[in-house]
Amino acid sequence: MDTRADTEAFIQTESTDSAPPAESAARTDTPTLRAFSVLEHLVAAKGALSLAELANIVEQPKASLHRMLQSLEAGSFVAREPGQKNAYVVGPRLERLGVDVMMHSGARRQRHAILERLVADLGETCNLSTLHDTQVLYLDRCESPWALRLELKPGSHVPAHCSASGKLLLSTMPHDERAALIRAMRLERFTPNTLDDPNLLEAELDRVAHKGIAVDNEEFVLGIACVAVPVFDSRGKCIAAIAVHGPVSRMALSRALTFVPRLQEAAADLTATF
């Protein structure tokens, strides 16, 4: 055995693993990581951030930050807030990336297993969804074994204003932002129960925000009832909705509401996957 060679190799490994603080900091302060930091702050912000605000947050010179934002804007990762020259929001490409991560991440199998257990317990179709622009996007879905059911695949969109999940997710938005979005939405009337009046919809969303539960009482499809509860991430932010739905001939809304405690249990299990 070459003890000296082994000792020298050990010392070399130790010196690499125990890099000086300055060298370690340099590894975490690269142009790529600085760009990711800017994107993280834009995602977390409640509204647009100005160049000055971003420069203060990420502690970068305005000139270099402006060049970075120009590159990110050219790639559609950020966008200018309409009517504001130097205020930035999340761009369409970053939004698509976020949705793709949630739909295809390694945690997808775990989430689907949670939905499968829920369907086995409740006997009706359950889904996991998030808000995408003015619509609800199905991240995952597990169908019931019944022949009579409404089938929608993961990746499908449904209107937010007349679905339980959509109303739940809209209710979590800041009031001013929510009001502006509702007035920009096309509140199409699908059934006699659809709320197509902005004022009535806002009043309904206030009730949903207070209760933490949303219902679809045959508002999107006649004969279909639905109940949804929020799914929170590890920071306590509502990131998705989990819902159960079925035909009223088999699952009246009053019965669907008895499923709320089990839905909330599943929502708590899902928190660990985000």
Protein backbone atom coordinates (compact mmCIF):
# COMPACT_ATOMS: atom_id res chain seq x y z
CA MET A 1 0.00 0.00 0.00
CA ASP A 2 1.32 3.47 -0.90
CA THR A 3 0.45 5.30 2.34
CA ARG A 4 2.08 8.54 1.22
CA ALA A 5 0.09 8.63 -2.03
CA ASP A 6 -3.13 7.92 -0.16
CA THR A 7 -2.40 10.72 2.32
CA GLU A 8 -1.65 13.23 -0.45
CA ALA A 9 -4.88 12.28 -2.26
CA PHE A 10 -6.87 12.73 0.99
CA ILE A 11 -5.32 16.17 1.60
CA GLN A 12 -6.11 17.21 -1.97
CA THR A 13 -9.75 16.12 -1.57
CA GLU A 14 -10.06 17.92 1.75
CA SER A 15 -8.68 21.15 0.30
CA THR A 16 -11.17 20.95 -2.60
CA ASP A 17 -14.15 20.25 -0.34
CA SER A 18 -13.14 22.97 2.12
CA ALA A 19 -12.80 25.78 -0.39
CA PRO A 20 -12.16 29.25 1.05
CA PRO A 21 -15.33 31.30 1.65
CA ALA A 22 -14.43 33.73 -1.13
CA GLU A 23 -14.09 30.92 -3.66
CA SER A 24 -17.33 29.28 -2.46
CA ALA A 25 -19.17 32.60 -2.74
CA ALA A 26 -17.81 33.09 -6.25
CA ARG A 27 -19.43 29.81 -7.32
CA THR A 28 -22.85 31.08 -6.21
CA ASP A 29 -22.40 34.53 -7.77
CA THR A 30 -22.50 33.83 -11.50
CA PRO A 31 -24.47 35.62 -14.25
CA THR A 32 -26.76 32.58 -14.59
CA LEU A 33 -27.57 32.43 -10.88
CA ARG A 34 -28.07 36.20 -10.72
CA ALA A 35 -30.60 35.89 -13.56
CA PHE A 36 -32.42 33.12 -11.69
CA SER A 37 -32.48 35.32 -8.60
CA VAL A 38 -34.16 38.10 -10.57
CA LEU A 39 -36.75 35.64 -11.93
CA GLU A 40 -37.44 34.28 -8.43
CA HIS A 41 -38.16 37.78 -7.13
CA LEU A 42 -40.47 38.54 -10.07
CA VAL A 43 -42.40 35.30 -9.47
CA ALA A 44 -42.77 36.08 -5.76
CA ALA A 45 -43.78 39.73 -6.30
CA LYS A 46 -47.45 40.70 -6.04
CA GLY A 47 -47.10 43.08 -8.97
CA ALA A 48 -44.60 44.55 -11.40
CA LEU A 49 -41.14 45.49 -10.09
CA SER A 50 -39.29 48.51 -11.41
CA LEU A 51 -35.65 48.45 -12.44
CA ALA A 52 -34.77 50.48 -9.33
CA GLU A 53 -36.66 48.07 -7.04
CA LEU A 54 -34.99 45.04 -8.58
CA ALA A 55 -31.54 46.65 -8.37
CA ASN A 56 -32.12 47.29 -4.68
CA ILE A 57 -33.39 43.76 -4.01
CA VAL A 58 -30.66 41.83 -5.85
CA GLU A 59 -27.95 44.41 -5.07
CA GLN A 60 -26.75 44.85 -8.64
CA PRO A 61 -25.80 47.99 -10.55
CA LYS A 62 -28.69 49.29 -12.63
CA ALA A 63 -26.68 49.25 -15.86
CA SER A 64 -25.74 45.55 -15.66
CA LEU A 65 -29.19 44.60 -14.38
CA HIS A 66 -30.82 46.46 -17.27
CA ARG A 67 -28.71 44.49 -19.77
CA MET A 68 -29.72 41.25 -18.09
CA LEU A 69 -33.41 42.20 -18.19
CA GLN A 70 -33.12 43.05 -21.87
CA SER A 71 -31.79 39.54 -22.56
CA LEU A 72 -34.51 37.93 -20.43
CA GLU A 73 -37.14 40.04 -22.19
CA ALA A 74 -35.81 39.03 -25.61
CA GLY A 75 -36.21 35.40 -24.53
CA SER A 76 -39.77 36.07 -23.23
CA PHE A 77 -38.78 35.13 -19.66
CA VAL A 78 -39.79 38.61 -18.46
CA ALA A 79 -42.11 41.24 -19.94
CA ARG A 80 -42.65 44.97 -19.49
CA GLU A 81 -45.73 45.97 -17.55
CA PRO A 82 -48.05 47.72 -20.04
CA GLY A 83 -47.86 51.49 -19.67
CA GLN A 84 -44.66 51.39 -17.61
CA LYS A 85 -41.29 51.76 -19.32
CA ASN A 86 -39.07 50.12 -16.71
CA ALA A 87 -41.38 47.83 -14.72
CA TYR A 88 -41.15 44.08 -15.22
CA VAL A 89 -43.39 41.06 -14.72
CA VAL A 90 -43.10 37.34 -15.43
CA GLY A 91 -43.01 36.62 -19.16
CA PRO A 92 -45.01 34.00 -21.08
CA ARG A 93 -42.08 31.63 -21.52
CA LEU A 94 -41.41 31.55 -17.77
CA GLU A 95 -45.12 30.96 -17.11
CA ARG A 96 -45.09 27.98 -19.48
CA LEU A 97 -41.95 26.66 -17.82
CA GLY A 98 -43.59 26.86 -14.40
CA VAL A 99 -46.63 24.94 -15.61
CA ASP A 100 -44.45 22.30 -17.31
CA VAL A 101 -42.44 21.82 -14.11
CA MET A 102 -45.60 21.21 -12.08
CA MET A 103 -47.05 18.83 -14.68
CA HIS A 104 -43.90 16.79 -15.34
CA SER A 105 -41.78 17.04 -12.20
CA GLY A 106 -40.56 14.00 -10.30
CA ALA A 107 -43.33 14.56 -7.75
CA ARG A 108 -46.02 13.86 -10.35
CA ARG A 109 -46.20 10.14 -9.47
CA GLN A 110 -46.60 10.99 -5.79
CA ARG A 111 -49.40 13.45 -6.54
CA HIS A 112 -51.17 10.97 -8.77
CA ALA A 113 -50.98 8.33 -6.03
CA ILE A 114 -52.65 10.79 -3.63
CA LEU A 115 -55.43 11.40 -6.18
CA GLU A 116 -55.87 7.65 -6.72
CA ARG A 117 -56.33 7.06 -2.98
CA LEU A 118 -58.82 9.93 -2.84
CA VAL A 119 -60.88 8.52 -5.73
CA ALA A 120 -60.84 5.09 -4.07
CA ASP A 121 -62.21 6.67 -0.87
CA LEU A 122 -64.80 8.99 -2.44
CA GLY A 123 -65.81 6.96 -5.48
CA GLU A 124 -65.84 10.03 -7.75
CA THR A 125 -63.41 11.75 -10.13
CA CYS A 126 -60.81 14.03 -8.49
CA ASN A 127 -58.43 16.52 -10.03
CA LEU A 128 -55.55 18.84 -9.21
CA SER A 129 -55.50 22.19 -10.98
CA THR A 130 -53.97 25.64 -11.00
CA LEU A 131 -54.85 29.04 -12.47
CA HIS A 132 -53.37 29.75 -15.90
CA ASP A 133 -54.22 33.23 -17.19
CA THR A 134 -58.03 33.38 -16.91
CA GLN A 135 -58.61 29.63 -17.03
CA VAL A 136 -58.15 26.58 -14.85
CA LEU A 137 -55.43 24.19 -15.99
CA TYR A 138 -55.67 20.53 -14.98
CA LEU A 139 -52.27 19.42 -13.67
CA ASP A 140 -53.47 15.89 -12.97
CA ARG A 141 -56.71 13.97 -12.83
CA CYS A 142 -57.90 10.57 -11.71
CA GLU A 143 -61.17 9.28 -13.13
CA SER A 144 -63.79 7.33 -11.21
CA PRO A 145 -64.68 3.83 -12.42
CA TRP A 146 -68.26 4.88 -13.26
CA ALA A 147 -69.40 4.86 -16.90
CA LEU A 148 -71.29 8.15 -16.37
CA ARG A 149 -68.61 10.81 -15.87
CA LEU A 150 -67.14 13.98 -17.37
CA GLU A 151 -63.70 13.18 -18.82
CA LEU A 152 -61.03 15.89 -19.09
CA LYS A 153 -57.35 15.03 -19.58
CA PRO A 154 -54.37 16.64 -17.75
CA GLY A 155 -53.47 19.77 -19.69
CA SER A 156 -57.12 20.61 -20.38
CA HIS A 157 -58.47 24.08 -19.59
CA VAL A 158 -61.87 25.07 -18.23
CA PRO A 159 -63.25 28.55 -17.47
CA ALA A 160 -62.33 29.88 -14.02
CA HIS A 161 -65.51 31.84 -13.30
CA CYS A 162 -67.86 28.83 -13.35
CA SER A 163 -65.73 26.03 -11.92
CA ALA A 164 -65.17 25.27 -8.23
CA SER A 165 -61.39 25.18 -8.59
CA GLY A 166 -61.35 28.37 -10.62
CA LYS A 167 -63.45 30.29 -8.10
CA LEU A 168 -61.29 28.99 -5.27
CA LEU A 169 -58.05 30.08 -6.97
CA LEU A 170 -59.48 33.47 -7.95
CA SER A 171 -60.59 34.04 -4.35
CA THR A 172 -56.97 33.85 -3.12
CA MET A 173 -55.82 36.76 -5.30
CA PRO A 174 -55.39 40.30 -3.92
CA HIS A 175 -58.77 42.04 -4.20
CA ASP A 176 -57.74 44.80 -6.63
CA GLU A 177 -55.88 42.37 -8.89
CA ARG A 178 -58.82 39.98 -8.81
CA ALA A 179 -61.35 42.71 -9.63
CA ALA A 180 -59.28 43.87 -12.62
CA LEU A 181 -58.97 40.30 -13.89
CA ILE A 182 -62.70 39.61 -13.58
CA ARG A 183 -63.52 42.71 -15.59
CA ALA A 184 -61.09 41.61 -18.29
CA MET A 185 -62.57 38.09 -18.44
CA ARG A 186 -65.32 36.94 -20.77
CA LEU A 187 -67.93 35.68 -18.32
CA GLU A 188 -69.65 33.28 -20.67
CA ARG A 189 -72.96 31.82 -19.52
CA PHE A 190 -72.87 28.01 -19.81
CA THR A 191 -75.95 27.11 -17.74
CA PRO A 192 -78.74 29.01 -15.97
CA ASN A 193 -76.60 28.81 -12.79
CA THR A 194 -73.48 30.44 -14.28
CA LEU A 195 -72.47 33.70 -12.56
CA ASP A 196 -71.94 36.04 -15.51
CA ASP A 197 -72.33 39.30 -13.57
CA PRO A 198 -68.97 40.67 -12.29
CA ASN A 199 -70.49 42.02 -9.08
CA LEU A 200 -72.25 38.76 -8.23
CA LEU A 201 -69.09 36.81 -9.02
CA GLU A 202 -66.98 39.04 -6.76
CA ALA A 203 -69.47 38.61 -3.92
CA GLU A 204 -69.28 34.84 -4.41
CA LEU A 205 -65.46 34.96 -4.35
CA ASP A 206 -65.54 36.89 -1.08
CA ARG A 207 -67.64 34.08 0.43
CA VAL A 208 -65.23 31.48 -0.95
CA ALA A 209 -62.25 33.34 0.52
CA HIS A 210 -63.97 33.38 3.92
CA LYS A 211 -64.93 29.68 3.91
CA GLY A 212 -61.89 28.25 2.11
CA ILE A 213 -64.24 26.04 0.08
CA ALA A 214 -65.68 26.58 -3.41
CA VAL A 215 -68.55 24.82 -5.17
CA ASP A 216 -69.78 24.44 -8.73
CA ASN A 217 -73.52 23.96 -8.51
CA GLU A 218 -74.12 22.92 -12.14
CA GLU A 219 -72.52 26.20 -13.26
CA PHE A 220 -70.28 24.81 -16.01
CA VAL A 221 -72.11 21.64 -17.07
CA LEU A 222 -75.75 20.90 -16.24
CA GLY A 223 -75.99 17.83 -14.04
CA ILE A 224 -72.42 18.09 -12.68
CA ALA A 225 -71.58 19.26 -9.14
CA CYS A 226 -68.12 19.95 -7.78
CA VAL A 227 -66.37 20.97 -4.55
CA ALA A 228 -62.79 22.29 -4.28
CA VAL A 229 -60.36 23.11 -1.46
CA PRO A 230 -56.97 24.85 -1.58
CA VAL A 231 -53.54 23.22 -1.76
CA PHE A 232 -50.79 25.25 -0.10
CA ASP A 233 -47.05 25.14 -0.70
CA SER A 234 -44.51 24.92 2.13
CA ARG A 235 -44.66 28.73 2.57
CA GLY A 236 -48.41 28.75 3.07
CA LYS A 237 -49.26 30.14 -0.37
CA CYS A 238 -52.22 28.67 -2.25
CA ILE A 239 -50.62 27.09 -5.30
CA ALA A 240 -53.35 24.74 -6.55
CA ALA A 241 -56.83 23.38 -5.91
CA ILE A 242 -57.97 19.81 -5.39
CA ALA A 243 -61.55 18.98 -6.28
CA VAL A 244 -64.08 16.19 -6.57
CA HIS A 245 -66.91 16.21 -9.07
CA GLY A 246 -69.65 13.93 -10.30
CA PRO A 247 -73.17 13.82 -11.70
CA VAL A 248 -75.84 15.14 -9.34
CA SER A 249 -77.83 11.96 -9.91
CA ARG A 250 -75.12 10.19 -7.95
CA MET A 251 -73.40 12.98 -6.01
CA ALA A 252 -75.70 15.83 -5.04
CA LEU A 253 -73.93 18.99 -3.90
CA SER A 254 -75.00 18.33 -0.30
CA ARG A 255 -73.23 14.95 -0.45
CA ALA A 256 -70.17 16.44 -2.14
CA LEU A 257 -69.79 18.87 0.77
CA THR A 258 -69.45 15.94 3.18
CA PHE A 259 -66.24 15.04 1.30
CA VAL A 260 -64.53 18.30 2.34
CA PRO A 261 -62.58 16.86 5.33
CA ARG A 262 -61.14 14.08 3.13
CA LEU A 263 -60.28 16.60 0.40
CA GLN A 264 -58.46 18.72 2.98
CA GLU A 265 -56.47 15.67 4.14
CA ALA A 266 -55.38 15.03 0.56
CA ALA A 267 -54.53 18.74 0.12
CA ALA A 268 -52.27 18.53 3.19
CA ASP A 269 -50.53 15.46 1.70
CA LEU A 270 -50.02 17.33 -1.57
CA THR A 271 -48.27 20.23 0.18
CA ALA A 272 -45.15 18.08 0.56
CA THR A 273 -44.96 17.67 -3.24
CA PHE A 274 -44.65 21.38 -4.04
